[in-house]
Amino acid sequence: MSASPQAPDGKSGASAAAGREAPAGGPSQVESILRRLEWTVIRRLDGAVHGDYRTLFRGFGLDLADLREYQYNDDVRHIDWNVTARLQTPYVREFNEDREVTAWFLLDLSPSVDFGSQRVTKQTVSAEFVTVLARLLSRHGNRVGALLYDDRVDTIVPARAGRRHVLHLLHTMLARPDRPAAARTNLQELLRTAFHVVPRRSLVFVVSDFITVPGWAEPLAHLAQRHEVIAVRLYDPLEMDLPDLGLLVVQDAETGEQVFVDTHDRRFRKRFAEAAVRREAALREAFGEAGVDALELATDGDLVDAILRFADLRKRRSQLAAGGSFPAHVRATRP
């Protein structure tokens, strides 16, 4: 259940507790959001992320550049067997890698994402993350597109480049009408649709709180076999640890079902925390089995710090793949 506590006036915690304003759908509001992020977030990330751009967002095209003799630790898959047979010495092919990246954002905009226990909702975090990454990528001439899911995939934004396109993507996310509670989220539909819609190998961000019916892990793994997939998991601290707030009406954000709970009951809060721990373990296991990196974004967290930590981990993993190793402090904390 994706639940939110009810405020005294009957409004759900997603709007009452978080103080969330109406969606910023107008062009001037969208421009203002992007301009604010360009000054407060993108400028901070620009040097740090773009300095490691080749490590973080690798292109997928390869052009043959040269041939040279095989050396220890070279990838045997790059051996040119025709030249090797002719010269009786192992030779490997060297490539120039195409750095052009096409990125797709698979956006879960179901009702459970419209929750935040404080001032910021998961949907706000999602919009800011997409705006920041889309702008960073498009500034290098890369194209970005998106699939938007509510109770179904209802919008596809074709992949294009440029600042104006980022504004269009942000406007499309924020200018959506409110929908009444309906069926539960089923991420299988979003992932399977993306498998057919995204034709060539791309960088794919799955942005969701992953509060969904089971069965999404297999299509995520299939998608990761074709594309480089990063799971961007949104969460609110209240979903992990329920404080003692007394008697509350808790509403499922997706079905509208309501239950009356006593959060003063220590045993209830313990069961809630244990269920959250089991769900966290299941999520990490599913991401690991699919071979997908996960970036976790909290509603009370710092977006820049989260992206930089993730960038640092990807850089170190790239170094490890090239024959290096994790430093001691990273090995100690790596899940």
Protein backbone atom coordinates (compact mmCIF):
# COMPACT_ATOMS: atom_id res chain seq x y z
CA MET A 1 0.00 0.00 0.00
CA SER A 2 1.18 3.44 -0.84
CA ALA A 3 -0.18 5.33 2.11
CA SER A 4 -0.30 8.92 3.24
CA PRO A 5 -1.61 10.22 6.58
CA GLN A 6 -4.74 12.32 6.44
CA ALA A 7 -4.56 15.91 7.62
CA PRO A 8 -7.30 17.26 9.94
CA ASP A 9 -9.09 18.98 7.02
CA GLY A 10 -9.34 15.68 5.16
CA LYS A 11 -6.67 16.38 2.57
CA SER A 12 -4.02 13.76 1.99
CA GLY A 13 -0.51 14.18 3.33
CA ALA A 14 0.78 14.57 -0.21
CA SER A 15 -0.67 18.07 -0.38
CA ALA A 16 -1.54 19.09 3.13
CA ALA A 17 1.57 17.93 4.97
CA ALA A 18 3.92 18.86 2.19
CA GLY A 19 2.31 22.22 1.44
CA ARG A 20 2.54 21.40 -2.25
CA GLU A 21 1.43 24.10 -4.67
CA ALA A 22 -0.56 23.51 -7.84
CA PRO A 23 1.47 22.04 -10.71
CA ALA A 24 3.64 24.64 -12.41
CA GLY A 25 2.35 24.16 -15.92
CA GLY A 26 2.67 27.63 -17.40
CA PRO A 27 5.60 28.49 -19.70
CA SER A 28 6.84 31.28 -17.42
CA GLN A 29 6.74 28.98 -14.38
CA VAL A 30 8.58 26.22 -16.21
CA GLU A 31 11.22 28.69 -17.41
CA SER A 32 11.59 29.95 -13.84
CA ILE A 33 12.13 26.41 -12.53
CA LEU A 34 14.77 25.64 -15.14
CA ARG A 35 16.55 28.95 -14.56
CA ARG A 36 16.60 28.32 -10.79
CA LEU A 37 18.03 24.83 -11.28
CA GLU A 38 20.64 26.11 -13.73
CA TRP A 39 21.90 28.54 -11.08
CA THR A 40 21.57 26.40 -7.95
CA VAL A 41 22.18 22.82 -9.14
CA ILE A 42 23.53 22.56 -12.67
CA ARG A 43 26.36 25.03 -12.06
CA ARG A 44 27.50 22.97 -9.06
CA LEU A 45 27.35 19.75 -11.05
CA ASP A 46 28.78 21.12 -14.28
CA GLY A 47 32.48 20.71 -13.54
CA ALA A 48 32.20 17.66 -11.31
CA VAL A 49 30.01 15.61 -13.63
CA HIS A 50 31.29 16.85 -16.98
CA GLY A 51 34.86 16.28 -15.87
CA ASP A 52 33.98 12.59 -15.71
CA TYR A 53 31.52 12.73 -18.59
CA ARG A 54 33.24 9.95 -20.53
CA THR A 55 33.09 7.68 -17.49
CA LEU A 56 29.51 8.45 -16.50
CA PHE A 57 27.65 8.48 -19.80
CA ARG A 58 29.48 6.42 -22.38
CA GLY A 59 28.49 6.48 -26.02
CA PHE A 60 27.49 3.29 -27.76
CA GLY A 61 28.95 3.67 -31.27
CA LEU A 62 32.45 2.45 -32.19
CA ASP A 63 34.68 3.41 -35.12
CA LEU A 64 37.82 1.41 -35.95
CA ALA A 65 40.88 3.63 -35.35
CA ASP A 66 43.99 1.45 -35.53
CA LEU A 67 45.61 -1.95 -35.03
CA ARG A 68 48.41 -2.74 -32.58
CA GLU A 69 50.09 -5.77 -31.04
CA TYR A 70 48.27 -7.52 -28.26
CA GLN A 71 49.40 -6.57 -24.75
CA TYR A 72 48.76 -8.18 -21.40
CA ASN A 73 45.26 -7.31 -20.02
CA ASP A 74 43.89 -6.40 -23.46
CA ASP A 75 40.35 -7.54 -24.14
CA VAL A 76 40.60 -10.74 -26.18
CA ARG A 77 37.29 -9.85 -27.88
CA HIS A 78 39.16 -7.10 -29.75
CA ILE A 79 41.69 -9.46 -31.34
CA ASP A 80 41.68 -9.20 -35.13
CA TRP A 81 42.04 -12.85 -36.08
CA ASN A 82 42.62 -12.19 -39.78
CA VAL A 83 45.61 -9.93 -39.11
CA THR A 84 46.82 -12.26 -36.35
CA ALA A 85 46.83 -15.25 -38.74
CA ARG A 86 48.58 -13.27 -41.46
CA LEU A 87 51.36 -11.85 -39.25
CA GLN A 88 51.60 -14.77 -36.82
CA THR A 89 51.41 -12.27 -33.95
CA PRO A 90 48.28 -11.34 -31.97
CA TYR A 91 46.90 -7.93 -32.97
CA VAL A 92 43.99 -6.07 -31.42
CA ARG A 93 41.69 -3.45 -32.88
CA GLU A 94 41.50 0.02 -31.30
CA PHE A 95 38.35 2.06 -31.52
CA ASN A 96 37.24 5.66 -31.28
CA GLU A 97 34.12 5.65 -29.16
CA ASP A 98 31.20 7.76 -30.24
CA ARG A 99 30.25 9.93 -27.25
CA GLU A 100 26.80 10.81 -28.49
CA VAL A 101 24.22 9.59 -26.01
CA THR A 102 20.49 9.27 -26.41
CA ALA A 103 18.84 9.29 -23.00
CA TRP A 104 15.30 8.28 -22.14
CA PHE A 105 13.44 8.99 -18.91
CA LEU A 106 10.79 6.44 -17.96
CA LEU A 107 8.68 8.51 -15.57
CA ASP A 108 6.31 7.00 -13.04
CA LEU A 109 3.80 9.79 -12.32
CA SER A 110 1.26 7.60 -10.52
CA PRO A 111 -0.52 8.96 -7.41
CA SER A 112 1.95 7.42 -4.97
CA VAL A 113 4.70 9.68 -6.36
CA ASP A 114 2.62 12.72 -5.40
CA PHE A 115 3.48 12.25 -1.71
CA GLY A 116 5.81 14.06 0.64
CA SER A 117 5.69 14.15 4.41
CA GLN A 118 7.30 17.58 4.55
CA ARG A 119 7.58 20.46 2.07
CA VAL A 120 8.81 18.47 -0.96
CA THR A 121 7.01 15.64 -2.73
CA LYS A 122 8.54 12.74 -4.61
CA GLN A 123 7.10 14.21 -7.80
CA THR A 124 9.01 17.47 -7.18
CA VAL A 125 12.25 15.52 -6.71
CA SER A 126 11.52 13.59 -9.91
CA ALA A 127 10.90 16.77 -11.91
CA GLU A 128 14.08 18.43 -10.65
CA PHE A 129 16.21 15.34 -11.31
CA VAL A 130 14.88 14.97 -14.86
CA THR A 131 15.38 18.66 -15.57
CA VAL A 132 18.96 18.65 -14.27
CA LEU A 133 20.06 15.48 -16.09
CA ALA A 134 18.25 16.40 -19.31
CA ARG A 135 19.91 19.82 -19.34
CA LEU A 136 23.36 18.41 -18.55
CA LEU A 137 23.06 15.89 -21.37
CA SER A 138 21.51 18.24 -23.91
CA ARG A 139 24.26 20.82 -23.38
CA HIS A 140 26.60 18.29 -25.00
CA GLY A 141 24.31 17.96 -28.01
CA ASN A 142 22.77 14.71 -26.78
CA ARG A 143 19.10 13.93 -27.26
CA VAL A 144 16.66 13.21 -24.44
CA GLY A 145 13.17 11.74 -24.56
CA ALA A 146 10.61 10.46 -22.08
CA LEU A 147 7.75 8.05 -21.52
CA LEU A 148 5.16 9.23 -18.99
CA TYR A 149 3.14 6.72 -17.00
CA ASP A 150 0.16 7.31 -14.72
CA ASP A 151 -2.19 4.34 -14.80
CA ARG A 152 -0.89 3.66 -18.32
CA VAL A 153 1.74 5.02 -20.70
CA ASP A 154 -0.18 8.02 -22.03
CA THR A 155 2.57 10.32 -23.34
CA ILE A 156 5.77 9.79 -25.33
CA VAL A 157 8.12 12.76 -25.72
CA PRO A 158 10.43 12.04 -28.72
CA ALA A 159 14.17 12.32 -28.13
CA ARG A 160 15.51 15.73 -29.14
CA ALA A 161 18.26 18.09 -28.03
CA GLY A 162 18.36 21.68 -26.83
CA ARG A 163 17.22 23.85 -23.94
CA ARG A 164 13.80 24.45 -25.49
CA HIS A 165 13.20 20.72 -25.60
CA VAL A 166 14.10 20.42 -21.89
CA LEU A 167 11.51 23.14 -21.17
CA HIS A 168 8.95 21.19 -23.20
CA LEU A 169 9.74 18.00 -21.26
CA LEU A 170 9.40 19.76 -17.90
CA HIS A 171 6.13 21.39 -19.00
CA THR A 172 4.77 18.00 -20.08
CA MET A 173 5.58 16.55 -16.67
CA LEU A 174 4.05 19.36 -14.62
CA ALA A 175 1.02 20.38 -16.68
CA ARG A 176 -0.79 17.07 -16.24
CA PRO A 177 -4.34 17.10 -14.82
CA ASP A 178 -5.01 15.52 -11.46
CA ARG A 179 -6.48 12.06 -11.70
CA PRO A 180 -8.74 10.32 -9.19
CA ALA A 181 -7.59 7.22 -7.39
CA ALA A 182 -7.62 4.22 -9.69
CA ALA A 183 -5.89 0.89 -10.11
CA ARG A 184 -2.51 0.19 -8.56
CA THR A 185 0.69 1.07 -10.39
CA ASN A 186 2.00 -1.63 -12.69
CA LEU A 187 5.54 -0.77 -13.81
CA GLN A 188 5.57 -3.80 -16.11
CA GLU A 189 3.57 -1.80 -18.65
CA LEU A 190 6.02 1.12 -18.59
CA LEU A 191 9.09 -1.13 -18.92
CA ARG A 192 7.63 -3.33 -21.65
CA THR A 193 6.46 -0.30 -23.63
CA ALA A 194 9.94 1.23 -23.38
CA PHE A 195 11.44 -2.01 -24.71
CA HIS A 196 9.49 -1.54 -27.94
CA VAL A 197 9.56 2.27 -28.17
CA VAL A 198 13.29 2.86 -27.62
CA PRO A 199 14.82 1.31 -30.76
CA ARG A 200 18.57 1.82 -30.43
CA ARG A 201 20.87 1.31 -27.47
CA SER A 202 20.37 4.24 -25.10
CA LEU A 203 20.88 5.49 -21.58
CA VAL A 204 17.61 4.81 -19.75
CA PHE A 205 16.59 6.31 -16.40
CA VAL A 206 13.66 4.57 -14.69
CA VAL A 207 12.39 7.25 -12.28
CA SER A 208 9.90 5.78 -9.83
CA ASP A 209 9.21 5.04 -6.18
CA PHE A 210 8.82 1.38 -7.26
CA ILE A 211 5.59 1.07 -5.27
CA THR A 212 3.95 -1.26 -7.74
CA VAL A 213 2.40 -4.66 -8.17
CA PRO A 214 5.00 -7.45 -8.42
CA GLY A 215 6.44 -8.69 -11.68
CA TRP A 216 8.47 -5.65 -12.79
CA ALA A 217 11.91 -7.16 -12.12
CA GLU A 218 11.93 -9.42 -15.20
CA PRO A 219 11.06 -6.68 -17.74
CA LEU A 220 13.63 -4.42 -16.05
CA ALA A 221 16.28 -7.11 -16.61
CA HIS A 222 15.21 -7.49 -20.26
CA LEU A 223 15.47 -3.72 -20.75
CA ALA A 224 18.95 -3.72 -19.17
CA GLN A 225 20.13 -6.34 -21.68
CA ARG A 226 19.54 -3.88 -24.53
CA HIS A 227 20.23 -0.51 -22.85
CA GLU A 228 22.30 1.00 -20.07
CA VAL A 229 19.65 1.31 -17.36
CA ILE A 230 19.80 3.35 -14.16
CA ALA A 231 17.03 2.99 -11.59
CA VAL A 232 16.26 6.30 -9.90
CA ARG A 233 14.34 5.35 -6.79
CA LEU A 234 12.28 8.08 -5.08
CA TYR A 235 11.34 7.77 -1.42
CA ASP A 236 10.16 9.71 1.61
CA PRO A 237 11.56 9.09 5.12
CA LEU A 238 8.02 8.52 6.43
CA GLU A 239 7.82 5.42 4.22
CA MET A 240 10.72 3.90 6.16
CA ASP A 241 9.99 4.81 9.76
CA LEU A 242 6.57 5.80 11.09
CA PRO A 243 6.77 8.20 14.06
CA ASP A 244 4.43 8.25 17.03
CA LEU A 245 1.67 10.56 15.77
CA GLY A 246 -1.25 9.06 17.67
CA LEU A 247 -4.43 8.02 15.89
CA LEU A 248 -4.35 8.54 12.13
CA VAL A 249 -6.42 7.83 9.06
CA VAL A 250 -4.03 6.42 6.44
CA GLN A 251 -5.09 6.50 2.80
CA ASP A 252 -3.77 4.48 -0.10
CA ALA A 253 -2.76 7.16 -2.59
CA GLU A 254 -3.64 4.97 -5.57
CA THR A 255 -6.87 3.16 -4.67
CA GLY A 256 -8.26 5.67 -2.15
CA GLU A 257 -8.70 2.92 0.46
CA GLN A 258 -8.51 4.25 4.03
CA VAL A 259 -7.59 2.51 7.29
CA PHE A 260 -7.56 3.80 10.87
CA VAL A 261 -4.25 3.12 12.67
CA ASP A 262 -2.81 3.83 16.09
CA THR A 263 0.79 4.94 15.58
CA HIS A 264 1.17 5.19 19.36
CA ASP A 265 1.24 1.38 19.37
CA ARG A 266 4.93 0.45 19.50
CA ARG A 267 4.28 -3.00 18.05
CA PHE A 268 2.51 -1.49 15.04
CA ARG A 269 5.44 0.85 14.37
CA LYS A 270 7.83 -2.08 14.70
CA ARG A 271 5.87 -4.15 12.16
CA PHE A 272 5.80 -1.14 9.83
CA ALA A 273 9.59 -0.73 10.07
CA GLU A 274 10.20 -4.45 9.54
CA ALA A 275 8.00 -4.43 6.42
CA ALA A 276 9.98 -1.44 5.12
CA VAL A 277 13.27 -3.29 5.68
CA ARG A 278 11.99 -6.32 3.78
CA ARG A 279 10.88 -4.13 0.90
CA GLU A 280 14.27 -2.40 0.78
CA ALA A 281 16.04 -5.77 0.65
CA ALA A 282 13.75 -6.99 -2.14
CA LEU A 283 14.34 -3.82 -4.17
CA ARG A 284 18.13 -4.07 -3.90
CA GLU A 285 18.01 -7.76 -4.81
CA ALA A 286 15.90 -7.02 -7.89
CA PHE A 287 18.23 -4.23 -9.03
CA GLY A 288 21.26 -6.45 -8.49
CA GLU A 289 19.80 -9.39 -10.41
CA ALA A 290 18.91 -7.07 -13.30
CA GLY A 291 22.44 -5.63 -13.34
CA VAL A 292 21.08 -2.12 -12.81
CA ASP A 293 22.72 0.68 -10.84
CA ALA A 294 20.37 2.45 -8.43
CA LEU A 295 20.38 6.12 -7.50
CA GLU A 296 18.23 6.83 -4.45
CA LEU A 297 16.69 10.28 -4.01
CA ALA A 298 14.94 11.26 -0.79
CA THR A 299 12.45 14.09 -0.42
CA ASP A 300 14.56 15.49 2.44
CA GLY A 301 17.91 14.92 0.70
CA ASP A 302 20.28 17.07 -1.33
CA LEU A 303 19.96 16.37 -5.06
CA VAL A 304 23.50 17.53 -5.85
CA ASP A 305 25.11 15.39 -3.15
CA ALA A 306 23.15 12.31 -4.26
CA ILE A 307 24.17 12.74 -7.91
CA LEU A 308 27.82 13.37 -6.99
CA ARG A 309 27.96 10.26 -4.77
CA PHE A 310 26.45 8.23 -7.58
CA ALA A 311 28.89 9.72 -10.09
CA ASP A 312 31.82 8.88 -7.83
CA LEU A 313 30.65 5.28 -7.48
CA ARG A 314 30.28 4.86 -11.25
CA LYS A 315 33.73 6.32 -11.80
CA ARG A 316 35.27 3.93 -9.30
CA ARG A 317 33.44 0.98 -10.82
CA SER A 318 34.83 1.99 -14.20
CA GLN A 319 38.32 2.08 -12.70
CA LEU A 320 37.74 -1.35 -11.19
CA ALA A 321 36.65 -2.73 -14.57
CA ALA A 322 39.85 -1.32 -16.06
CA GLY A 323 41.96 -3.21 -13.52
CA GLY A 324 41.91 -0.92 -10.53
CA SER A 325 40.30 -1.44 -7.14
CA PHE A 326 37.98 0.31 -4.74
CA PRO A 327 39.65 2.26 -1.95
CA ALA A 328 39.15 0.88 1.54
CA HIS A 329 36.40 3.32 2.58
CA VAL A 330 34.36 2.52 -0.53
CA ARG A 331 34.78 -1.24 -0.11
CA ALA A 332 33.61 -0.95 3.47
CA THR A 333 30.38 0.85 2.66
CA ARG A 334 29.51 -0.62 -0.72
CA PRO A 335 26.29 -2.72 -0.51
